[in-house]
Amino acid sequence: ELEMVTEDETDTDGSRLARKTSLRGSVPDLDSECSDGLAGRDA
């Protein structure tokens, strides 16, 4: 998973959308990481 959310949860401005952005996770190399089909995982 990758998530883009605010890194500042204070209520100083009253607006989540006006706060700084935090990026949790990264974009995987799907061609490489899905090449083995995640063998053994439940569908």
Full PDB file with SEQRES, HELIX, SHEET, SSBOND, CRYST1, ORIGX, SCALE, CONECT and MASTER records, all heavy atoms in Angstrom:
SEQRES   1 A   43  GLU LEU GLU MET VAL THR GLU ASP GLU THR ASP THR ASP          
SEQRES   2 A   43  GLY SER ARG LEU ALA ARG LYS THR SER LEU ARG GLY SER          
SEQRES   3 A   43  VAL PRO ASP LEU ASP SER GLU CYS SER ASP GLY LEU ALA          
SEQRES   4 A   43  GLY ARG ASP ALA                                              
HELIX    1 AA1 ARG A   16  ALA A   18  5                                   3    
HELIX    2 AA2 LEU A   30  GLU A   33  1                                   4    
SHEET    1 AA1 2 GLU A   3  THR A   6  0                                        
SHEET    2 AA1 2 THR A  21  ARG A  24 -1                                        
CRYST1    1.000    1.000    1.000  90.00  90.00  90.00 P 1           1          
ORIGX1      1.000000  0.000000  0.000000        0.00000                         
ORIGX2      0.000000  1.000000  0.000000        0.00000                         
ORIGX3      0.000000  0.000000  1.000000        0.00000                         
SCALE1      1.000000  0.000000  0.000000        0.00000                         
SCALE2      0.000000  1.000000  0.000000        0.00000                         
SCALE3      0.000000  0.000000  1.000000        0.00000                         
ATOM      1  N   GLU A   1       0.834  -1.188   0.000  1.00  0.00           N  
ATOM      2  CA  GLU A   1       0.000   0.000   0.000  1.00  0.00           C  
ATOM      3  C   GLU A   1       0.876   1.248   0.000  1.00  0.00           C  
ATOM      4  O   GLU A   1       2.028   1.221   0.457  1.00  0.00           O  
ATOM      5  CB  GLU A   1      -0.903   0.054   1.244  1.00  0.00           C  
ATOM      6  CG  GLU A   1      -1.993  -0.989   1.287  1.00  0.00           C  
ATOM      7  CD  GLU A   1      -2.898  -0.808   2.504  1.00  0.00           C  
ATOM      8  OE1 GLU A   1      -2.539   0.010   3.384  1.00  0.00           O  
ATOM      9  OE2 GLU A   1      -3.940  -1.467   2.575  1.00  0.00           O  
ATOM     10  N   LEU A   2       0.326   2.329  -0.527  1.00  0.00           N  
ATOM     11  CA  LEU A   2       0.953   3.640  -0.461  1.00  0.00           C  
ATOM     12  C   LEU A   2      -0.126   4.621  -0.017  1.00  0.00           C  
ATOM     13  O   LEU A   2      -1.267   4.543  -0.466  1.00  0.00           O  
ATOM     14  CB  LEU A   2       1.511   4.038  -1.827  1.00  0.00           C  
ATOM     15  CG  LEU A   2       2.190   5.402  -1.967  1.00  0.00           C  
ATOM     16  CD1 LEU A   2       3.265   5.342  -3.052  1.00  0.00           C  
ATOM     17  CD2 LEU A   2       1.193   6.512  -2.323  1.00  0.00           C  
ATOM     18  N   GLU A   3       0.239   5.543   0.889  1.00  0.00           N  
ATOM     19  CA  GLU A   3      -0.748   6.484   1.385  1.00  0.00           C  
ATOM     20  C   GLU A   3      -0.178   7.897   1.400  1.00  0.00           C  
ATOM     21  O   GLU A   3       0.966   8.120   1.791  1.00  0.00           O  
ATOM     22  CB  GLU A   3      -1.199   6.099   2.796  1.00  0.00           C  
ATOM     23  CG  GLU A   3      -2.416   6.866   3.282  1.00  0.00           C  
ATOM     24  CD  GLU A   3      -2.984   6.294   4.573  1.00  0.00           C  
ATOM     25  OE1 GLU A   3      -2.228   5.632   5.307  1.00  0.00           O  
ATOM     26  OE2 GLU A   3      -4.183   6.518   4.833  1.00  0.00           O  
ATOM     27  N   MET A   4      -0.982   8.850   0.944  1.00  0.00           N  
ATOM     28  CA  MET A   4      -0.635  10.264   0.992  1.00  0.00           C  
ATOM     29  C   MET A   4      -1.577  10.939   1.983  1.00  0.00           C  
ATOM     30  O   MET A   4      -2.793  10.981   1.787  1.00  0.00           O  
ATOM     31  CB  MET A   4      -0.789  10.891  -0.394  1.00  0.00           C  
ATOM     32  CG  MET A   4      -0.319  12.330  -0.484  1.00  0.00           C  
ATOM     33  SD  MET A   4      -0.624  13.024  -2.147  1.00  0.00           S  
ATOM     34  CE  MET A   4       0.460  11.991  -3.122  1.00  0.00           C  
ATOM     35  N   VAL A   5      -1.030  11.432   3.090  1.00  0.00           N  
ATOM     36  CA  VAL A   5      -1.837  12.020   4.161  1.00  0.00           C  
ATOM     37  C   VAL A   5      -1.117  13.258   4.701  1.00  0.00           C  
ATOM     38  O   VAL A   5      -0.021  13.596   4.261  1.00  0.00           O  
ATOM     39  CB  VAL A   5      -2.075  11.018   5.314  1.00  0.00           C  
ATOM     40  CG1 VAL A   5      -2.948   9.861   4.864  1.00  0.00           C  
ATOM     41  CG2 VAL A   5      -0.734  10.488   5.838  1.00  0.00           C  
ATOM     42  N   THR A   6      -1.727  13.918   5.674  1.00  0.00           N  
ATOM     43  CA  THR A   6      -1.053  15.043   6.302  1.00  0.00           C  
ATOM     44  C   THR A   6      -0.084  14.540   7.366  1.00  0.00           C  
ATOM     45  O   THR A   6      -0.339  13.541   8.047  1.00  0.00           O  
ATOM     46  CB  THR A   6      -2.058  16.014   6.945  1.00  0.00           C  
ATOM     47  OG1 THR A   6      -1.336  17.063   7.594  1.00  0.00           O  
ATOM     48  CG2 THR A   6      -2.941  15.323   7.965  1.00  0.00           C  
ATOM     49  N   GLU A   7       1.041  15.212   7.502  1.00  0.00           N  
ATOM     50  CA  GLU A   7       2.008  14.853   8.549  1.00  0.00           C  
ATOM     51  C   GLU A   7       1.832  15.736   9.771  1.00  0.00           C  
ATOM     52  O   GLU A   7       2.493  15.555  10.780  1.00  0.00           O  
ATOM     53  CB  GLU A   7       3.436  14.986   8.009  1.00  0.00           C  
ATOM     54  CG  GLU A   7       3.830  16.412   7.654  1.00  0.00           C  
ATOM     55  CD  GLU A   7       5.240  16.512   7.101  1.00  0.00           C  
ATOM     56  OE1 GLU A   7       5.726  15.525   6.532  1.00  0.00           O  
ATOM     57  OE2 GLU A   7       5.836  17.578   7.251  1.00  0.00           O  
ATOM     58  N   ASP A   8       0.923  16.709   9.679  1.00  0.00           N  
ATOM     59  CA  ASP A   8       0.698  17.653  10.771  1.00  0.00           C  
ATOM     60  C   ASP A   8      -0.757  17.533  11.215  1.00  0.00           C  
ATOM     61  O   ASP A   8      -1.673  17.970  10.535  1.00  0.00           O  
ATOM     62  CB  ASP A   8       0.989  19.069  10.280  1.00  0.00           C  
ATOM     63  CG  ASP A   8       0.718  20.126  11.347  1.00  0.00           C  
ATOM     64  OD1 ASP A   8       0.460  19.726  12.509  1.00  0.00           O  
ATOM     65  OD2 ASP A   8       0.743  21.313  11.023  1.00  0.00           O  
ATOM     66  N   GLU A   9      -0.992  16.927  12.364  1.00  0.00           N  
ATOM     67  CA  GLU A   9      -2.361  16.703  12.843  1.00  0.00           C  
ATOM     68  C   GLU A   9      -2.804  17.745  13.866  1.00  0.00           C  
ATOM     69  O   GLU A   9      -3.762  17.550  14.592  1.00  0.00           O  
ATOM     70  CB  GLU A   9      -2.479  15.301  13.453  1.00  0.00           C  
ATOM     71  CG  GLU A   9      -2.414  14.185  12.429  1.00  0.00           C  
ATOM     72  CD  GLU A   9      -3.591  14.194  11.455  1.00  0.00           C  
ATOM     73  OE1 GLU A   9      -4.594  14.863  11.746  1.00  0.00           O  
ATOM     74  OE2 GLU A   9      -3.504  13.546  10.409  1.00  0.00           O  
ATOM     75  N   THR A  10      -2.097  18.864  13.941  1.00  0.00           N  
ATOM     76  CA  THR A  10      -2.522  19.913  14.871  1.00  0.00           C  
ATOM     77  C   THR A  10      -3.770  20.602  14.337  1.00  0.00           C  
ATOM     78  O   THR A  10      -4.115  20.489  13.162  1.00  0.00           O  
ATOM     79  CB  THR A  10      -1.413  20.960  15.051  1.00  0.00           C  
ATOM     80  OG1 THR A  10      -1.233  21.656  13.807  1.00  0.00           O  
ATOM     81  CG2 THR A  10      -0.107  20.318  15.471  1.00  0.00           C  
ATOM     82  N   ASP A  11      -4.442  21.327  15.188  1.00  0.00           N  
ATOM     83  CA  ASP A  11      -5.654  22.036  14.800  1.00  0.00           C  
ATOM     84  C   ASP A  11      -5.407  23.531  14.655  1.00  0.00           C  
ATOM     85  O   ASP A  11      -6.320  24.336  14.753  1.00  0.00           O  
ATOM     86  CB  ASP A  11      -6.757  21.798  15.841  1.00  0.00           C  
ATOM     87  CG  ASP A  11      -7.212  20.351  15.873  1.00  0.00           C  
ATOM     88  OD1 ASP A  11      -7.246  19.724  14.802  1.00  0.00           O  
ATOM     89  OD2 ASP A  11      -7.537  19.874  16.962  1.00  0.00           O  
ATOM     90  N   THR A  12      -4.171  23.907  14.370  1.00  0.00           N  
ATOM     91  CA  THR A  12      -3.838  25.328  14.328  1.00  0.00           C  
ATOM     92  C   THR A  12      -4.534  26.052  13.184  1.00  0.00           C  
ATOM     93  O   THR A  12      -4.860  27.222  13.298  1.00  0.00           O  
ATOM     94  CB  THR A  12      -2.319  25.519  14.186  1.00  0.00           C  
ATOM     95  OG1 THR A  12      -1.871  24.792  13.032  1.00  0.00           O  
ATOM     96  CG2 THR A  12      -1.604  25.001  15.419  1.00  0.00           C  
ATOM     97  N   ASP A  13      -4.781  25.372  12.064  1.00  0.00           N  
ATOM     98  CA  ASP A  13      -5.418  26.046  10.944  1.00  0.00           C  
ATOM     99  C   ASP A  13      -6.822  25.532  10.677  1.00  0.00           C  
ATOM    100  O   ASP A  13      -7.541  26.096   9.868  1.00  0.00           O  
ATOM    101  CB  ASP A  13      -4.577  25.906   9.661  1.00  0.00           C  
ATOM    102  CG  ASP A  13      -4.212  24.458   9.380  1.00  0.00           C  
ATOM    103  OD1 ASP A  13      -5.023  23.582   9.705  1.00  0.00           O  
ATOM    104  OD2 ASP A  13      -3.134  24.213   8.827  1.00  0.00           O  
ATOM    105  N   GLY A  14      -7.215  24.458  11.336  1.00  0.00           N  
ATOM    106  CA  GLY A  14      -8.555  23.929  11.171  1.00  0.00           C  
ATOM    107  C   GLY A  14      -8.806  23.257   9.850  1.00  0.00           C  
ATOM    108  O   GLY A  14      -9.933  22.891   9.540  1.00  0.00           O  
ATOM    109  N   SER A  15      -7.780  23.054   9.022  1.00  0.00           N  
ATOM    110  CA  SER A  15      -7.977  22.468   7.708  1.00  0.00           C  
ATOM    111  C   SER A  15      -6.927  21.402   7.435  1.00  0.00           C  
ATOM    112  O   SER A  15      -5.741  21.706   7.349  1.00  0.00           O  
ATOM    113  CB  SER A  15      -7.904  23.555   6.625  1.00  0.00           C  
ATOM    114  OG  SER A  15      -7.888  22.976   5.344  1.00  0.00           O  
ATOM    115  N   ARG A  16      -7.359  20.167   7.320  1.00  0.00           N  
ATOM    116  CA  ARG A  16      -6.408  19.096   6.991  1.00  0.00           C  
ATOM    117  C   ARG A  16      -5.767  19.326   5.626  1.00  0.00           C  
ATOM    118  O   ARG A  16      -4.589  19.051   5.420  1.00  0.00           O  
ATOM    119  CB  ARG A  16      -7.129  17.745   7.004  1.00  0.00           C  
ATOM    120  CG  ARG A  16      -7.402  17.156   8.379  1.00  0.00           C  
ATOM    121  CD  ARG A  16      -8.021  15.765   8.213  1.00  0.00           C  
ATOM    122  NE  ARG A  16      -8.015  14.996   9.449  1.00  0.00           N  
ATOM    123  CZ  ARG A  16      -9.049  14.918  10.278  1.00  0.00           C  
ATOM    124  NH1 ARG A  16     -10.161  15.593   9.998  1.00  0.00           N  
ATOM    125  NH2 ARG A  16      -8.976  14.193  11.372  1.00  0.00           N  
ATOM    126  N   LEU A  17      -6.548  19.812   4.662  1.00  0.00           N  
ATOM    127  CA  LEU A  17      -6.053  19.980   3.305  1.00  0.00           C  
ATOM    128  C   LEU A  17      -4.976  21.056   3.191  1.00  0.00           C  
ATOM    129  O   LEU A  17      -4.228  21.092   2.217  1.00  0.00           O  
ATOM    130  CB  LEU A  17      -7.212  20.320   2.364  1.00  0.00           C  
ATOM    131  CG  LEU A  17      -8.210  19.191   2.094  1.00  0.00           C  
ATOM    132  CD1 LEU A  17      -9.433  19.731   1.362  1.00  0.00           C  
ATOM    133  CD2 LEU A  17      -7.563  18.063   1.299  1.00  0.00           C  
ATOM    134  N   ALA A  18      -4.875  21.939   4.197  1.00  0.00           N  
ATOM    135  CA  ALA A  18      -3.878  23.007   4.152  1.00  0.00           C  
ATOM    136  C   ALA A  18      -2.566  22.603   4.812  1.00  0.00           C  
ATOM    137  O   ALA A  18      -1.627  23.406   4.849  1.00  0.00           O  
ATOM    138  CB  ALA A  18      -4.428  24.263   4.833  1.00  0.00           C  
ATOM    139  N   ARG A  19      -2.492  21.389   5.308  1.00  0.00           N  
ATOM    140  CA  ARG A  19      -1.286  20.964   6.035  1.00  0.00           C  
ATOM    141  C   ARG A  19      -0.274  20.316   5.098  1.00  0.00           C  
ATOM    142  O   ARG A  19      -0.544  20.065   3.933  1.00  0.00           O  
ATOM    143  CB  ARG A  19      -1.680  19.998   7.154  1.00  0.00           C  
ATOM    144  CG  ARG A  19      -2.597  20.655   8.176  1.00  0.00           C  
ATOM    145  CD  ARG A  19      -3.180  19.647   9.153  1.00  0.00           C  
ATOM    146  NE  ARG A  19      -4.236  20.279   9.961  1.00  0.00           N  
ATOM    147  CZ  ARG A  19      -5.127  19.626  10.663  1.00  0.00           C  
ATOM    148  NH1 ARG A  19      -5.125  18.300  10.665  1.00  0.00           N  
ATOM    149  NH2 ARG A  19      -6.037  20.283  11.357  1.00  0.00           N  
ATOM    150  N   LYS A  20       0.884  20.042   5.644  1.00  0.00           N  
ATOM    151  CA  LYS A  20       1.945  19.418   4.863  1.00  0.00           C  
ATOM    152  C   LYS A  20       1.608  17.959   4.566  1.00  0.00           C  
ATOM    153  O   LYS A  20       0.841  17.325   5.271  1.00  0.00           O  
ATOM    154  CB  LYS A  20       3.275  19.513   5.613  1.00  0.00           C  
ATOM    155  CG  LYS A  20       3.795  20.939   5.752  1.00  0.00           C  
ATOM    156  CD  LYS A  20       5.130  20.960   6.459  1.00  0.00           C  
ATOM    157  CE  LYS A  20       5.663  22.379   6.573  1.00  0.00           C  
ATOM    158  NZ  LYS A  20       6.978  22.420   7.264  1.00  0.00           N  
ATOM    159  N   THR A  21       2.222  17.459   3.509  1.00  0.00           N  
ATOM    160  CA  THR A  21       1.922  16.119   3.012  1.00  0.00           C  
ATOM    161  C   THR A  21       2.985  15.119   3.445  1.00  0.00           C  
ATOM    162  O   THR A  21       4.180  15.403   3.387  1.00  0.00           O  
ATOM    163  CB  THR A  21       1.845  16.128   1.478  1.00  0.00           C  
ATOM    164  OG1 THR A  21       0.903  17.108   1.067  1.00  0.00           O  
ATOM    165  CG2 THR A  21       1.420  14.771   0.938  1.00  0.00           C  
ATOM    166  N   SER A  22       2.522  13.956   3.862  1.00  0.00           N  
ATOM    167  CA  SER A  22       3.421  12.853   4.174  1.00  0.00           C  
ATOM    168  C   SER A  22       3.117  11.706   3.219  1.00  0.00           C  
ATOM    169  O   SER A  22       1.951  11.399   2.942  1.00  0.00           O  
ATOM    170  CB  SER A  22       3.218  12.391   5.619  1.00  0.00           C  
ATOM    171  OG  SER A  22       4.052  11.280   5.910  1.00  0.00           O  
ATOM    172  N   LEU A  23       4.163  11.084   2.713  1.00  0.00           N  
ATOM    173  CA  LEU A  23       4.019   9.949   1.808  1.00  0.00           C  
ATOM    174  C   LEU A  23       4.491   8.694   2.533  1.00  0.00           C  
ATOM    175  O   LEU A  23       5.659   8.582   2.899  1.00  0.00           O  
ATOM    176  CB  LEU A  23       4.842  10.184   0.539  1.00  0.00           C  
ATOM    177  CG  LEU A  23       4.499   9.346  -0.691  1.00  0.00           C  
ATOM    178  CD1 LEU A  23       3.058   9.575  -1.126  1.00  0.00           C  
ATOM    179  CD2 LEU A  23       5.445   9.690  -1.836  1.00  0.00           C  
ATOM    180  N   ARG A  24       3.562   7.786   2.772  1.00  0.00           N  
ATOM    181  CA  ARG A  24       3.880   6.540   3.481  1.00  0.00           C  
ATOM    182  C   ARG A  24       3.889   5.390   2.488  1.00  0.00           C  
ATOM    183  O   ARG A  24       2.871   5.051   1.897  1.00  0.00           O  
ATOM    184  CB  ARG A  24       2.844   6.289   4.575  1.00  0.00           C  
ATOM    185  CG  ARG A  24       2.765   7.410   5.611  1.00  0.00           C  
ATOM    186  CD  ARG A  24       1.593   7.226   6.554  1.00  0.00           C  
ATOM    187  NE  ARG A  24       1.465   8.345   7.487  1.00  0.00           N  
ATOM    188  CZ  ARG A  24       0.426   8.529   8.300  1.00  0.00           C  
ATOM    189  NH1 ARG A  24      -0.580   7.648   8.293  1.00  0.00           N  
ATOM    190  NH2 ARG A  24       0.384   9.581   9.104  1.00  0.00           N  
ATOM    191  N   GLY A  25       5.053   4.812   2.312  1.00  0.00           N  
ATOM    192  CA  GLY A  25       5.204   3.748   1.333  1.00  0.00           C  
ATOM    193  C   GLY A  25       5.777   4.285   0.038  1.00  0.00           C  
ATOM    194  O   GLY A  25       6.093   5.480  -0.091  1.00  0.00           O  
ATOM    195  N   SER A  26       5.909   3.425  -0.948  1.00  0.00           N  
ATOM    196  CA  SER A  26       6.468   3.817  -2.243  1.00  0.00           C  
ATOM    197  C   SER A  26       5.817   2.987  -3.335  1.00  0.00           C  
ATOM    198  O   SER A  26       5.181   1.961  -3.070  1.00  0.00           O  
ATOM    199  CB  SER A  26       7.991   3.609  -2.258  1.00  0.00           C  
ATOM    200  OG  SER A  26       8.302   2.247  -2.003  1.00  0.00           O  
ATOM    201  N   VAL A  27       5.975   3.459  -4.561  1.00  0.00           N  
ATOM    202  CA  VAL A  27       5.426   2.729  -5.704  1.00  0.00           C  
ATOM    203  C   VAL A  27       6.316   1.529  -5.979  1.00  0.00           C  
ATOM    204  O   VAL A  27       7.512   1.684  -6.224  1.00  0.00           O  
ATOM    205  CB  VAL A  27       5.352   3.625  -6.947  1.00  0.00           C  
ATOM    206  CG1 VAL A  27       4.769   2.847  -8.126  1.00  0.00           C  
ATOM    207  CG2 VAL A  27       4.533   4.872  -6.662  1.00  0.00           C  
ATOM    208  N   PRO A  28       5.776   0.308  -5.940  1.00  0.00           N  
ATOM    209  CA  PRO A  28       6.609  -0.867  -6.195  1.00  0.00           C  
ATOM    210  C   PRO A  28       6.910  -1.030  -7.681  1.00  0.00           C  
ATOM    211  O   PRO A  28       6.195  -0.481  -8.538  1.00  0.00           O  
ATOM    212  CB  PRO A  28       5.739  -2.028  -5.691  1.00  0.00           C  
ATOM    213  CG  PRO A  28       4.335  -1.536  -5.873  1.00  0.00           C  
ATOM    214  CD  PRO A  28       4.381  -0.045  -5.616  1.00  0.00           C  
ATOM    215  N   ASP A  29       7.959  -1.761  -7.985  1.00  0.00           N  
ATOM    216  CA  ASP A  29       8.241  -2.150  -9.370  1.00  0.00           C  
ATOM    217  C   ASP A  29       7.347  -3.348  -9.677  1.00  0.00           C  
ATOM    218  O   ASP A  29       7.713  -4.503  -9.454  1.00  0.00           O  
ATOM    219  CB  ASP A  29       9.718  -2.511  -9.527  1.00  0.00           C  
ATOM    220  CG  ASP A  29      10.092  -2.829 -10.968  1.00  0.00           C  
ATOM    221  OD1 ASP A  29       9.172  -3.110 -11.774  1.00  0.00           O  
ATOM    222  OD2 ASP A  29      11.289  -2.817 -11.294  1.00  0.00           O  
ATOM    223  N   LEU A  30       6.160  -3.066 -10.180  1.00  0.00           N  
ATOM    224  CA  LEU A  30       5.139  -4.106 -10.320  1.00  0.00           C  
ATOM    225  C   LEU A  30       5.554  -5.201 -11.297  1.00  0.00           C  
ATOM    226  O   LEU A  30       5.261  -6.380 -11.073  1.00  0.00           O  
ATOM    227  CB  LEU A  30       3.819  -3.481 -10.757  1.00  0.00           C  
ATOM    228  CG  LEU A  30       3.152  -2.580  -9.706  1.00  0.00           C  
ATOM    229  CD1 LEU A  30       1.980  -1.832 -10.312  1.00  0.00           C  
ATOM    230  CD2 LEU A  30       2.699  -3.404  -8.513  1.00  0.00           C  
ATOM    231  N   ASP A  31       6.210  -4.833 -12.392  1.00  0.00           N  
ATOM    232  CA  ASP A  31       6.626  -5.853 -13.358  1.00  0.00           C  
ATOM    233  C   ASP A  31       7.561  -6.871 -12.718  1.00  0.00           C  
ATOM    234  O   ASP A  31       7.472  -8.070 -12.976  1.00  0.00           O  
ATOM    235  CB  ASP A  31       7.316  -5.199 -14.560  1.00  0.00           C  
ATOM    236  CG  ASP A  31       6.337  -4.467 -15.460  1.00  0.00           C  
ATOM    237  OD1 ASP A  31       5.125  -4.722 -15.335  1.00  0.00           O  
ATOM    238  OD2 ASP A  31       6.776  -3.636 -16.275  1.00  0.00           O  
ATOM    239  N   SER A  32       8.457  -6.380 -11.862  1.00  0.00           N  
ATOM    240  CA  SER A  32       9.405  -7.273 -11.206  1.00  0.00           C  
ATOM    241  C   SER A  32       8.769  -8.032 -10.050  1.00  0.00           C  
ATOM    242  O   SER A  32       8.875  -9.257  -9.948  1.00  0.00           O  
ATOM    243  CB  SER A  32      10.609  -6.466 -10.707  1.00  0.00           C  
ATOM    244  OG  SER A  32      11.479  -7.268  -9.938  1.00  0.00           O  
ATOM    245  N   GLU A  33       8.064  -7.288  -9.168  1.00  0.00           N  
ATOM    246  CA  GLU A  33       7.557  -7.908  -7.948  1.00  0.00           C  
ATOM    247  C   GLU A  33       6.362  -8.815  -8.194  1.00  0.00           C  
ATOM    248  O   GLU A  33       6.043  -9.663  -7.356  1.00  0.00           O  
ATOM    249  CB  GLU A  33       7.226  -6.825  -6.928  1.00  0.00           C  
ATOM    250  CG  GLU A  33       8.456  -6.021  -6.505  1.00  0.00           C  
ATOM    251  CD  GLU A  33       8.209  -5.166  -5.285  1.00  0.00           C  
ATOM    252  OE1 GLU A  33       7.587  -5.682  -4.337  1.00  0.00           O  
ATOM    253  OE2 GLU A  33       8.635  -3.995  -5.287  1.00  0.00           O  
ATOM    254  N   CYS A  34       5.669  -8.638  -9.311  1.00  0.00           N  
ATOM    255  CA  CYS A  34       4.539  -9.515  -9.619  1.00  0.00           C  
ATOM    256  C   CYS A  34       4.918 -10.632 -10.592  1.00  0.00           C  
ATOM    257  O   CYS A  34       4.058 -11.402 -11.025  1.00  0.00           O  
ATOM    258  CB  CYS A  34       3.379  -8.711 -10.211  1.00  0.00           C  
ATOM    259  SG  CYS A  34       2.584  -7.600  -9.036  1.00  0.00           S  
ATOM    260  N   SER A  35       6.205 -10.719 -10.950  1.00  0.00           N  
ATOM    261  CA  SER A  35       6.612 -11.691 -11.963  1.00  0.00           C  
ATOM    262  C   SER A  35       6.401 -13.128 -11.523  1.00  0.00           C  
ATOM    263  O   SER A  35       6.125 -14.001 -12.337  1.00  0.00           O  
ATOM    264  CB  SER A  35       8.084 -11.476 -12.341  1.00  0.00           C  
ATOM    265  OG  SER A  35       8.923 -11.643 -11.201  1.00  0.00           O  
ATOM    266  N   ASP A  36       6.504 -13.389 -10.191  1.00  0.00           N  
ATOM    267  CA  ASP A  36       6.295 -14.764  -9.726  1.00  0.00           C  
ATOM    268  C   ASP A  36       4.860 -15.000  -9.283  1.00  0.00           C  
ATOM    269  O   ASP A  36       4.519 -16.082  -8.799  1.00  0.00           O  
ATOM    270  CB  ASP A  36       7.260 -15.102  -8.579  1.00  0.00           C  
ATOM    271  CG  ASP A  36       7.019 -14.245  -7.345  1.00  0.00           C  
ATOM    272  OD1 ASP A  36       6.156 -13.347  -7.404  1.00  0.00           O  
ATOM    273  OD2 ASP A  36       7.696 -14.469  -6.323  1.00  0.00           O  
ATOM    274  N   GLY A  37       4.015 -13.963  -9.455  1.00  0.00           N  
ATOM    275  CA  GLY A  37       2.606 -14.124  -9.121  1.00  0.00           C  
ATOM    276  C   GLY A  37       2.326 -14.285  -7.640  1.00  0.00           C  
ATOM    277  O   GLY A  37       1.244 -14.719  -7.252  1.00  0.00           O  
ATOM    278  N   LEU A  38       3.271 -13.918  -6.769  1.00  0.00           N  
ATOM    279  CA  LEU A  38       3.093 -14.064  -5.319  1.00  0.00           C  
ATOM    280  C   LEU A  38       2.611 -15.470  -4.972  1.00  0.00           C  
ATOM    281  O   LEU A  38       1.587 -15.669  -4.309  1.00  0.00           O  
ATOM    282  CB  LEU A  38       2.098 -13.018  -4.786  1.00  0.00           C  
ATOM    283  CG  LEU A  38       2.492 -11.548  -4.921  1.00  0.00           C  
ATOM    284  CD1 LEU A  38       1.462 -10.662  -4.243  1.00  0.00           C  
ATOM    285  CD2 LEU A  38       3.871 -11.280  -4.330  1.00  0.00           C  
ATOM    286  N   ALA A  39       3.349 -16.420  -5.466  1.00  0.00           N  
ATOM    287  CA  ALA A  39       2.969 -17.833  -5.277  1.00  0.00           C  
ATOM    288  C   ALA A  39       2.715 -18.136  -3.805  1.00  0.00           C  
ATOM    289  O   ALA A  39       3.446 -17.694  -2.914  1.00  0.00           O  
ATOM    290  CB  ALA A  39       4.073 -18.734  -5.812  1.00  0.00           C  
ATOM    291  N   GLY A  40       1.641 -18.873  -3.547  1.00  0.00           N  
ATOM    292  CA  GLY A  40       1.296 -19.291  -2.188  1.00  0.00           C  
ATOM    293  C   GLY A  40       0.351 -18.353  -1.479  1.00  0.00           C  
ATOM    294  O   GLY A  40      -0.152 -18.696  -0.394  1.00  0.00           O  
ATOM    295  N   ARG A  41       0.077 -17.158  -2.036  1.00  0.00           N  
ATOM    296  CA  ARG A  41      -0.843 -16.220  -1.395  1.00  0.00           C  
ATOM    297  C   ARG A  41      -2.294 -16.622  -1.668  1.00  0.00           C  
ATOM    298  O   ARG A  41      -2.614 -17.221  -2.689  1.00  0.00           O  
ATOM    299  CB  ARG A  41      -0.620 -14.804  -1.934  1.00  0.00           C  
ATOM    300  CG  ARG A  41       0.768 -14.231  -1.661  1.00  0.00           C  
ATOM    301  CD  ARG A  41       0.902 -13.713  -0.239  1.00  0.00           C  
ATOM    302  NE  ARG A  41       2.156 -12.986  -0.070  1.00  0.00           N  
ATOM    303  CZ  ARG A  41       2.277 -11.675  -0.197  1.00  0.00           C  
ATOM    304  NH1 ARG A  41       1.228 -10.942  -0.492  1.00  0.00           N  
ATOM    305  NH2 ARG A  41       3.454 -11.105  -0.042  1.00  0.00           N  
ATOM    306  N   ASP A  42      -3.162 -16.261  -0.742  1.00  0.00           N  
ATOM    307  CA  ASP A  42      -4.590 -16.510  -0.928  1.00  0.00           C  
ATOM    308  C   ASP A  42      -5.170 -15.485  -1.894  1.00  0.00           C  
ATOM    309  O   ASP A  42      -4.829 -14.298  -1.847  1.00  0.00           O  
ATOM    310  CB  ASP A  42      -5.333 -16.435   0.407  1.00  0.00           C  
ATOM    311  CG  ASP A  42      -4.956 -17.567   1.348  1.00  0.00           C  
ATOM    312  OD1 ASP A  42      -4.572 -18.648   0.830  1.00  0.00           O  
ATOM    313  OD2 ASP A  42      -5.035 -17.381   2.575  1.00  0.00           O  
ATOM    314  N   ALA A  43      -6.057 -15.938  -2.752  1.00  0.00           N  
ATOM    315  CA  ALA A  43      -6.678 -15.053  -3.728  1.00  0.00           C  
ATOM    316  C   ALA A  43      -7.760 -14.206  -3.067  1.00  0.00           C  
ATOM    317  O   ALA A  43      -8.448 -14.648  -2.147  1.00  0.00           O  
ATOM    318  CB  ALA A  43      -7.279 -15.871  -4.870  1.00  0.00           C  
TER     319      ALA A  43                                                      
MASTER        0    0    0    2    2    0    0    6  318    1    0    4          
END                                                                             
